[in-house]
Amino acid sequence: MSSKFVVRFYFTTLLIGVVVATIVSLFTEYENVTSQLFRGHFAEFFVGLVWIIGYGLIIATVAQVVFYIYLFINPLGLGIFRSFWPYVQILLIMYAIFDLFYLRFFKVGRDHGSTFEFIWIPIIVVIVGFVVAHFKNKQVTNKNVFIPSLFFMIFMTSLTLLPFISVEDTTWIYRSIFTVLVLNAYQLLRLPKYIEASKEDKIARGVTKRK
């Protein structure tokens, strides 16, 4: 992929992260931020909005770093484990699901007297993971990529969320999880489109020839 499309992919992902984080935060931070706008406290609202946008940029950057790590890990795993790599991925997916359900949210919810307040979050991660992996597998016609896609959407998503779900404030958890899920789904499903557009651009400029 040419540098032009790498930059376009990067900034589009950043923009999506900012938009999603802002929309979610305007609901979860209604009392602290959104309500200031309706009260006519425009300076306080602007400061809060800038903070939210900054948070969106940070979480989008982290999501992109993890995505590029995944692009490195997947071929590396194939090289090391070969035909066993899908089974290793399944084990890591199972561990990530257990980690999300029990170690993080079940115990946290039990300590706070409201397990359901937290336990639905990993359920969303798993459901979205399976849905996105299904569409990614349909997108690729020459091979089955369901397990690698599920590995990214569940295991790598859980890694992305580590710095953002280590707090007890549920508003942090909400804005982090929804933003990361949207970003990871976008990156996984849209990257081939950028690669194809980059190839077409090179052909149009005479850099490469169509095969």
C-alpha atoms as a PDB file:
ATOM      1  CA  MET A   1       0.000   0.000   0.000  1.00  0.00           C
ATOM      2  CA  SER A   2       1.414   3.383  -1.028  1.00  0.00           C
ATOM      3  CA  SER A   3       2.191   6.052   1.559  1.00  0.00           C
ATOM      4  CA  LYS A   4      -0.735   8.174   0.338  1.00  0.00           C
ATOM      5  CA  PHE A   5      -3.245   5.486   1.219  1.00  0.00           C
ATOM      6  CA  VAL A   6      -1.456   4.602   4.470  1.00  0.00           C
ATOM      7  CA  VAL A   7      -1.849   8.231   5.547  1.00  0.00           C
ATOM      8  CA  ARG A   8      -5.471   8.280   4.364  1.00  0.00           C
ATOM      9  CA  PHE A   9      -6.213   5.077   6.277  1.00  0.00           C
ATOM     10  CA  TYR A  10      -4.511   6.474   9.383  1.00  0.00           C
ATOM     11  CA  PHE A  11      -6.344   9.793   9.449  1.00  0.00           C
ATOM     12  CA  THR A  12      -9.708   8.256   8.539  1.00  0.00           C
ATOM     13  CA  THR A  13      -9.341   5.873  11.476  1.00  0.00           C
ATOM     14  CA  LEU A  14      -8.402   8.780  13.738  1.00  0.00           C
ATOM     15  CA  LEU A  15     -11.478  10.706  12.598  1.00  0.00           C
ATOM     16  CA  ILE A  16     -13.758   7.727  13.242  1.00  0.00           C
ATOM     17  CA  GLY A  17     -12.257   7.308  16.707  1.00  0.00           C
ATOM     18  CA  VAL A  18     -12.881  10.963  17.538  1.00  0.00           C
ATOM     19  CA  VAL A  19     -16.464  10.895  16.215  1.00  0.00           C
ATOM     20  CA  VAL A  20     -17.462   7.699  18.029  1.00  0.00           C
ATOM     21  CA  ALA A  21     -15.754   8.675  21.291  1.00  0.00           C
ATOM     22  CA  THR A  22     -17.409  12.109  21.138  1.00  0.00           C
ATOM     23  CA  ILE A  23     -20.910  10.740  20.477  1.00  0.00           C
ATOM     24  CA  VAL A  24     -20.648   8.168  23.270  1.00  0.00           C
ATOM     25  CA  SER A  25     -19.096  10.669  25.674  1.00  0.00           C
ATOM     26  CA  LEU A  26     -21.785  13.282  25.085  1.00  0.00           C
ATOM     27  CA  PHE A  27     -24.252  10.731  26.465  1.00  0.00           C
ATOM     28  CA  THR A  28     -22.115   9.227  29.244  1.00  0.00           C
ATOM     29  CA  GLU A  29     -20.742  12.627  30.289  1.00  0.00           C
ATOM     30  CA  TYR A  30     -24.055  14.457  30.015  1.00  0.00           C
ATOM     31  CA  GLU A  31     -23.909  16.001  33.471  1.00  0.00           C
ATOM     32  CA  ASN A  32     -20.267  17.050  33.226  1.00  0.00           C
ATOM     33  CA  VAL A  33     -20.081  18.174  29.596  1.00  0.00           C
ATOM     34  CA  THR A  34     -23.271  18.129  27.507  1.00  0.00           C
ATOM     35  CA  SER A  35     -25.470  19.828  30.084  1.00  0.00           C
ATOM     36  CA  GLN A  36     -23.038  22.771  30.161  1.00  0.00           C
ATOM     37  CA  LEU A  37     -24.049  23.590  26.590  1.00  0.00           C
ATOM     38  CA  PHE A  38     -27.747  23.784  27.462  1.00  0.00           C
ATOM     39  CA  ARG A  39     -26.967  25.882  30.510  1.00  0.00           C
ATOM     40  CA  GLY A  40     -25.110  28.407  28.391  1.00  0.00           C
ATOM     41  CA  HIS A  41     -21.714  27.560  29.925  1.00  0.00           C
ATOM     42  CA  PHE A  42     -19.963  27.465  26.572  1.00  0.00           C
ATOM     43  CA  ALA A  43     -16.422  27.703  27.939  1.00  0.00           C
ATOM     44  CA  GLU A  44     -16.914  24.681  30.205  1.00  0.00           C
ATOM     45  CA  PHE A  45     -18.523  22.750  27.347  1.00  0.00           C
ATOM     46  CA  PHE A  46     -15.661  23.622  24.991  1.00  0.00           C
ATOM     47  CA  VAL A  47     -13.040  22.491  27.518  1.00  0.00           C
ATOM     48  CA  GLY A  48     -14.866  19.209  28.042  1.00  0.00           C
ATOM     49  CA  LEU A  49     -15.262  18.717  24.293  1.00  0.00           C
ATOM     50  CA  VAL A  50     -11.546  19.281  23.695  1.00  0.00           C
ATOM     51  CA  TRP A  51     -10.760  16.690  26.374  1.00  0.00           C
ATOM     52  CA  ILE A  52     -13.142  14.191  24.746  1.00  0.00           C
ATOM     53  CA  ILE A  53     -11.607  14.777  21.306  1.00  0.00           C
ATOM     54  CA  GLY A  54      -8.144  14.269  22.768  1.00  0.00           C
ATOM     55  CA  TYR A  55      -9.278  11.010  24.325  1.00  0.00           C
ATOM     56  CA  GLY A  56     -10.700   9.891  20.973  1.00  0.00           C
ATOM     57  CA  LEU A  57      -7.357  10.588  19.306  1.00  0.00           C
ATOM     58  CA  ILE A  58      -5.502   8.610  21.954  1.00  0.00           C
ATOM     59  CA  ILE A  59      -7.730   5.552  21.819  1.00  0.00           C
ATOM     60  CA  ALA A  60      -7.752   5.605  17.998  1.00  0.00           C
ATOM     61  CA  THR A  61      -3.954   5.712  17.973  1.00  0.00           C
ATOM     62  CA  VAL A  62      -3.730   2.785  20.388  1.00  0.00           C
ATOM     63  CA  ALA A  63      -6.229   0.812  18.290  1.00  0.00           C
ATOM     64  CA  GLN A  64      -4.152   1.395  15.170  1.00  0.00           C
ATOM     65  CA  VAL A  65      -0.927   0.331  16.894  1.00  0.00           C
ATOM     66  CA  VAL A  66      -2.587  -2.893  18.037  1.00  0.00           C
ATOM     67  CA  PHE A  67      -3.924  -3.487  14.522  1.00  0.00           C
ATOM     68  CA  TYR A  68      -0.443  -3.214  13.008  1.00  0.00           C
ATOM     69  CA  ILE A  69       0.855  -5.537  15.733  1.00  0.00           C
ATOM     70  CA  TYR A  70      -1.818  -8.014  14.644  1.00  0.00           C
ATOM     71  CA  LEU A  71      -0.684  -7.704  11.023  1.00  0.00           C
ATOM     72  CA  PHE A  72       2.802  -8.671  12.233  1.00  0.00           C
ATOM     73  CA  ILE A  73       1.696 -11.410  14.651  1.00  0.00           C
ATOM     74  CA  ASN A  74      -0.532 -13.300  12.224  1.00  0.00           C
ATOM     75  CA  PRO A  75       2.150 -14.178   9.631  1.00  0.00           C
ATOM     76  CA  LEU A  76       4.662 -14.709  12.437  1.00  0.00           C
ATOM     77  CA  GLY A  77       2.314 -17.211  14.091  1.00  0.00           C
ATOM     78  CA  LEU A  78       1.844 -18.976  10.763  1.00  0.00           C
ATOM     79  CA  GLY A  79       5.599 -19.210  10.360  1.00  0.00           C
ATOM     80  CA  ILE A  80       6.170 -20.604  13.843  1.00  0.00           C
ATOM     81  CA  PHE A  81       3.132 -22.832  14.435  1.00  0.00           C
ATOM     82  CA  ARG A  82       2.244 -23.522  10.784  1.00  0.00           C
ATOM     83  CA  SER A  83      -0.898 -25.689  10.610  1.00  0.00           C
ATOM     84  CA  PHE A  84      -1.326 -25.443  14.409  1.00  0.00           C
ATOM     85  CA  TRP A  85      -1.644 -21.644  14.342  1.00  0.00           C
ATOM     86  CA  PRO A  86      -5.482 -21.664  14.052  1.00  0.00           C
ATOM     87  CA  TYR A  87      -5.682 -23.885  17.144  1.00  0.00           C
ATOM     88  CA  VAL A  88      -3.318 -21.580  19.036  1.00  0.00           C
ATOM     89  CA  GLN A  89      -5.551 -18.659  18.066  1.00  0.00           C
ATOM     90  CA  ILE A  90      -8.624 -20.530  19.327  1.00  0.00           C
ATOM     91  CA  LEU A  91      -6.912 -21.106  22.691  1.00  0.00           C
ATOM     92  CA  LEU A  92      -5.992 -17.409  22.911  1.00  0.00           C
ATOM     93  CA  ILE A  93      -9.569 -16.423  21.998  1.00  0.00           C
ATOM     94  CA  MET A  94     -10.911 -18.688  24.750  1.00  0.00           C
ATOM     95  CA  TYR A  95      -8.480 -17.171  27.241  1.00  0.00           C
ATOM     96  CA  ALA A  96      -9.467 -13.642  26.202  1.00  0.00           C
ATOM     97  CA  ILE A  97     -13.162 -14.471  26.647  1.00  0.00           C
ATOM     98  CA  PHE A  98     -12.495 -15.966  30.086  1.00  0.00           C
ATOM     99  CA  ASP A  99     -10.374 -12.959  31.002  1.00  0.00           C
ATOM    100  CA  LEU A 100     -13.063 -10.503  29.901  1.00  0.00           C
ATOM    101  CA  PHE A 101     -15.940 -12.353  31.555  1.00  0.00           C
ATOM    102  CA  TYR A 102     -14.460 -13.482  34.846  1.00  0.00           C
ATOM    103  CA  LEU A 103     -11.180 -11.802  35.724  1.00  0.00           C
ATOM    104  CA  ARG A 104     -12.290  -8.321  34.716  1.00  0.00           C
ATOM    105  CA  PHE A 105     -16.025  -7.793  34.776  1.00  0.00           C
ATOM    106  CA  PHE A 106     -17.550 -10.565  36.860  1.00  0.00           C
ATOM    107  CA  LYS A 107     -15.243  -9.950  39.814  1.00  0.00           C
ATOM    108  CA  VAL A 108     -15.474  -6.166  39.437  1.00  0.00           C
ATOM    109  CA  GLY A 109     -19.264  -6.313  39.240  1.00  0.00           C
ATOM    110  CA  ARG A 110     -19.498  -8.632  42.233  1.00  0.00           C
ATOM    111  CA  ASP A 111     -17.335  -6.281  44.282  1.00  0.00           C
ATOM    112  CA  HIS A 112     -19.681  -3.425  43.410  1.00  0.00           C
ATOM    113  CA  GLY A 113     -22.877  -5.378  43.968  1.00  0.00           C
ATOM    114  CA  SER A 114     -24.023  -5.197  40.341  1.00  0.00           C
ATOM    115  CA  THR A 115     -22.628  -7.938  38.129  1.00  0.00           C
ATOM    116  CA  PHE A 116     -24.978  -7.154  35.218  1.00  0.00           C
ATOM    117  CA  GLU A 117     -23.726  -3.582  35.063  1.00  0.00           C
ATOM    118  CA  PHE A 118     -20.376  -4.968  33.921  1.00  0.00           C
ATOM    119  CA  ILE A 119     -21.002  -8.471  32.542  1.00  0.00           C
ATOM    120  CA  TRP A 120     -22.882  -7.297  29.436  1.00  0.00           C
ATOM    121  CA  ILE A 121     -19.740  -5.585  28.183  1.00  0.00           C
ATOM    122  CA  PRO A 122     -17.762  -8.745  27.304  1.00  0.00           C
ATOM    123  CA  ILE A 123     -20.982 -10.173  25.831  1.00  0.00           C
ATOM    124  CA  ILE A 124     -21.032  -7.241  23.400  1.00  0.00           C
ATOM    125  CA  VAL A 125     -17.347  -7.783  22.572  1.00  0.00           C
ATOM    126  CA  VAL A 126     -17.919 -11.468  21.782  1.00  0.00           C
ATOM    127  CA  ILE A 127     -21.097 -10.871  19.730  1.00  0.00           C
ATOM    128  CA  VAL A 128     -19.525  -8.066  17.695  1.00  0.00           C
ATOM    129  CA  GLY A 129     -16.406 -10.201  17.250  1.00  0.00           C
ATOM    130  CA  PHE A 130     -18.386 -13.084  15.732  1.00  0.00           C
ATOM    131  CA  VAL A 131     -20.452 -10.777  13.506  1.00  0.00           C
ATOM    132  CA  VAL A 132     -17.432  -8.902  12.131  1.00  0.00           C
ATOM    133  CA  ALA A 133     -15.482 -12.151  11.637  1.00  0.00           C
ATOM    134  CA  HIS A 134     -18.432 -13.542   9.671  1.00  0.00           C
ATOM    135  CA  PHE A 135     -18.536 -10.552   7.329  1.00  0.00           C
ATOM    136  CA  LYS A 136     -14.748 -10.559   6.961  1.00  0.00           C
ATOM    137  CA  ASN A 137     -14.836 -14.234   6.003  1.00  0.00           C
ATOM    138  CA  LYS A 138     -17.499 -13.489   3.363  1.00  0.00           C
ATOM    139  CA  GLN A 139     -15.340 -10.636   2.091  1.00  0.00           C
ATOM    140  CA  VAL A 140     -12.441 -13.002   1.303  1.00  0.00           C
ATOM    141  CA  THR A 141     -13.404 -15.553  -1.337  1.00  0.00           C
ATOM    142  CA  ASN A 142     -10.243 -17.610  -1.787  1.00  0.00           C
ATOM    143  CA  LYS A 143      -9.678 -18.763   1.813  1.00  0.00           C
ATOM    144  CA  ASN A 144     -11.237 -19.041   5.261  1.00  0.00           C
ATOM    145  CA  VAL A 145     -10.216 -16.152   7.519  1.00  0.00           C
ATOM    146  CA  PHE A 146     -12.893 -16.536  10.197  1.00  0.00           C
ATOM    147  CA  ILE A 147     -10.551 -17.650  12.999  1.00  0.00           C
ATOM    148  CA  PRO A 148      -7.860 -14.974  12.349  1.00  0.00           C
ATOM    149  CA  SER A 149     -10.597 -12.337  12.175  1.00  0.00           C
ATOM    150  CA  LEU A 150     -12.186 -13.591  15.398  1.00  0.00           C
ATOM    151  CA  PHE A 151      -8.732 -13.628  16.987  1.00  0.00           C
ATOM    152  CA  PHE A 152      -8.293  -9.963  16.144  1.00  0.00           C
ATOM    153  CA  MET A 153     -11.780  -8.886  17.150  1.00  0.00           C
ATOM    154  CA  ILE A 154     -11.701 -10.641  20.541  1.00  0.00           C
ATOM    155  CA  PHE A 155      -8.119 -11.265  21.648  1.00  0.00           C
ATOM    156  CA  MET A 156      -6.527  -8.156  20.172  1.00  0.00           C
ATOM    157  CA  THR A 157      -9.507  -6.029  21.201  1.00  0.00           C
ATOM    158  CA  SER A 158      -9.072  -7.213  24.790  1.00  0.00           C
ATOM    159  CA  LEU A 159      -5.408  -6.147  24.603  1.00  0.00           C
ATOM    160  CA  THR A 160      -6.397  -2.755  23.214  1.00  0.00           C
ATOM    161  CA  LEU A 161      -8.851  -2.233  26.072  1.00  0.00           C
ATOM    162  CA  LEU A 162      -6.366  -3.063  28.854  1.00  0.00           C
ATOM    163  CA  PRO A 163      -5.278   0.537  29.542  1.00  0.00           C
ATOM    164  CA  PHE A 164      -8.856   1.828  29.308  1.00  0.00           C
ATOM    165  CA  ILE A 165     -10.852  -0.641  31.422  1.00  0.00           C
ATOM    166  CA  SER A 166      -8.578  -0.644  34.446  1.00  0.00           C
ATOM    167  CA  VAL A 167     -10.768   1.981  36.081  1.00  0.00           C
ATOM    168  CA  GLU A 168     -14.006   1.593  38.008  1.00  0.00           C
ATOM    169  CA  ASP A 169     -15.789   4.515  36.314  1.00  0.00           C
ATOM    170  CA  THR A 170     -18.276   2.912  33.901  1.00  0.00           C
ATOM    171  CA  THR A 171     -18.313   5.986  31.641  1.00  0.00           C
ATOM    172  CA  TRP A 172     -14.672   5.306  30.805  1.00  0.00           C
ATOM    173  CA  ILE A 173     -15.511   1.678  30.033  1.00  0.00           C
ATOM    174  CA  TYR A 174     -18.462   2.563  27.791  1.00  0.00           C
ATOM    175  CA  ARG A 175     -16.658   5.107  25.651  1.00  0.00           C
ATOM    176  CA  SER A 176     -13.584   2.905  25.393  1.00  0.00           C
ATOM    177  CA  ILE A 177     -15.288  -0.344  24.395  1.00  0.00           C
ATOM    178  CA  PHE A 178     -17.683   1.092  21.820  1.00  0.00           C
ATOM    179  CA  THR A 179     -14.927   3.173  20.236  1.00  0.00           C
ATOM    180  CA  VAL A 180     -12.434   0.297  20.049  1.00  0.00           C
ATOM    181  CA  LEU A 181     -15.016  -2.119  18.614  1.00  0.00           C
ATOM    182  CA  VAL A 182     -15.989   0.321  15.858  1.00  0.00           C
ATOM    183  CA  LEU A 183     -12.356   1.109  15.071  1.00  0.00           C
ATOM    184  CA  ASN A 184     -11.271  -2.536  14.960  1.00  0.00           C
ATOM    185  CA  ALA A 185     -14.214  -3.512  12.779  1.00  0.00           C
ATOM    186  CA  TYR A 186     -13.447  -0.648  10.409  1.00  0.00           C
ATOM    187  CA  GLN A 187      -9.753  -1.470  10.182  1.00  0.00           C
ATOM    188  CA  LEU A 188     -10.321  -5.174   9.614  1.00  0.00           C
ATOM    189  CA  LEU A 189     -13.042  -4.755   6.990  1.00  0.00           C
ATOM    190  CA  ARG A 190     -11.776  -1.694   5.153  1.00  0.00           C
ATOM    191  CA  LEU A 191      -8.026  -2.314   4.880  1.00  0.00           C
ATOM    192  CA  PRO A 192      -8.424  -4.493   1.733  1.00  0.00           C
ATOM    193  CA  LYS A 193     -10.303  -1.620   0.063  1.00  0.00           C
ATOM    194  CA  TYR A 194      -7.372   0.712   0.716  1.00  0.00           C
ATOM    195  CA  ILE A 195      -4.913  -1.864  -0.606  1.00  0.00           C
ATOM    196  CA  GLU A 196      -6.982  -2.332  -3.755  1.00  0.00           C
ATOM    197  CA  ALA A 197      -7.345   1.427  -4.222  1.00  0.00           C
ATOM    198  CA  SER A 198      -3.576   1.791  -3.817  1.00  0.00           C
ATOM    199  CA  LYS A 199      -2.971  -0.828  -6.515  1.00  0.00           C
ATOM    200  CA  GLU A 200      -5.408   0.885  -8.880  1.00  0.00           C
ATOM    201  CA  ASP A 201      -3.735   4.228  -8.221  1.00  0.00           C
ATOM    202  CA  LYS A 202      -0.297   2.774  -9.044  1.00  0.00           C
ATOM    203  CA  ILE A 203      -1.673   1.254 -12.261  1.00  0.00           C
ATOM    204  CA  ALA A 204      -3.257   4.566 -13.235  1.00  0.00           C
ATOM    205  CA  ARG A 205       0.067   6.344 -12.689  1.00  0.00           C
ATOM    206  CA  GLY A 206       1.949   3.663 -14.633  1.00  0.00           C
ATOM    207  CA  VAL A 207       3.975   2.562 -11.608  1.00  0.00           C
ATOM    208  CA  THR A 208       2.813  -1.063 -11.981  1.00  0.00           C
ATOM    209  CA  LYS A 209       1.003  -3.007 -14.655  1.00  0.00           C
ATOM    210  CA  ARG A 210      -2.289  -4.806 -14.238  1.00  0.00           C
ATOM    211  CA  LYS A 211      -1.859  -8.580 -14.150  1.00  0.00           C
END
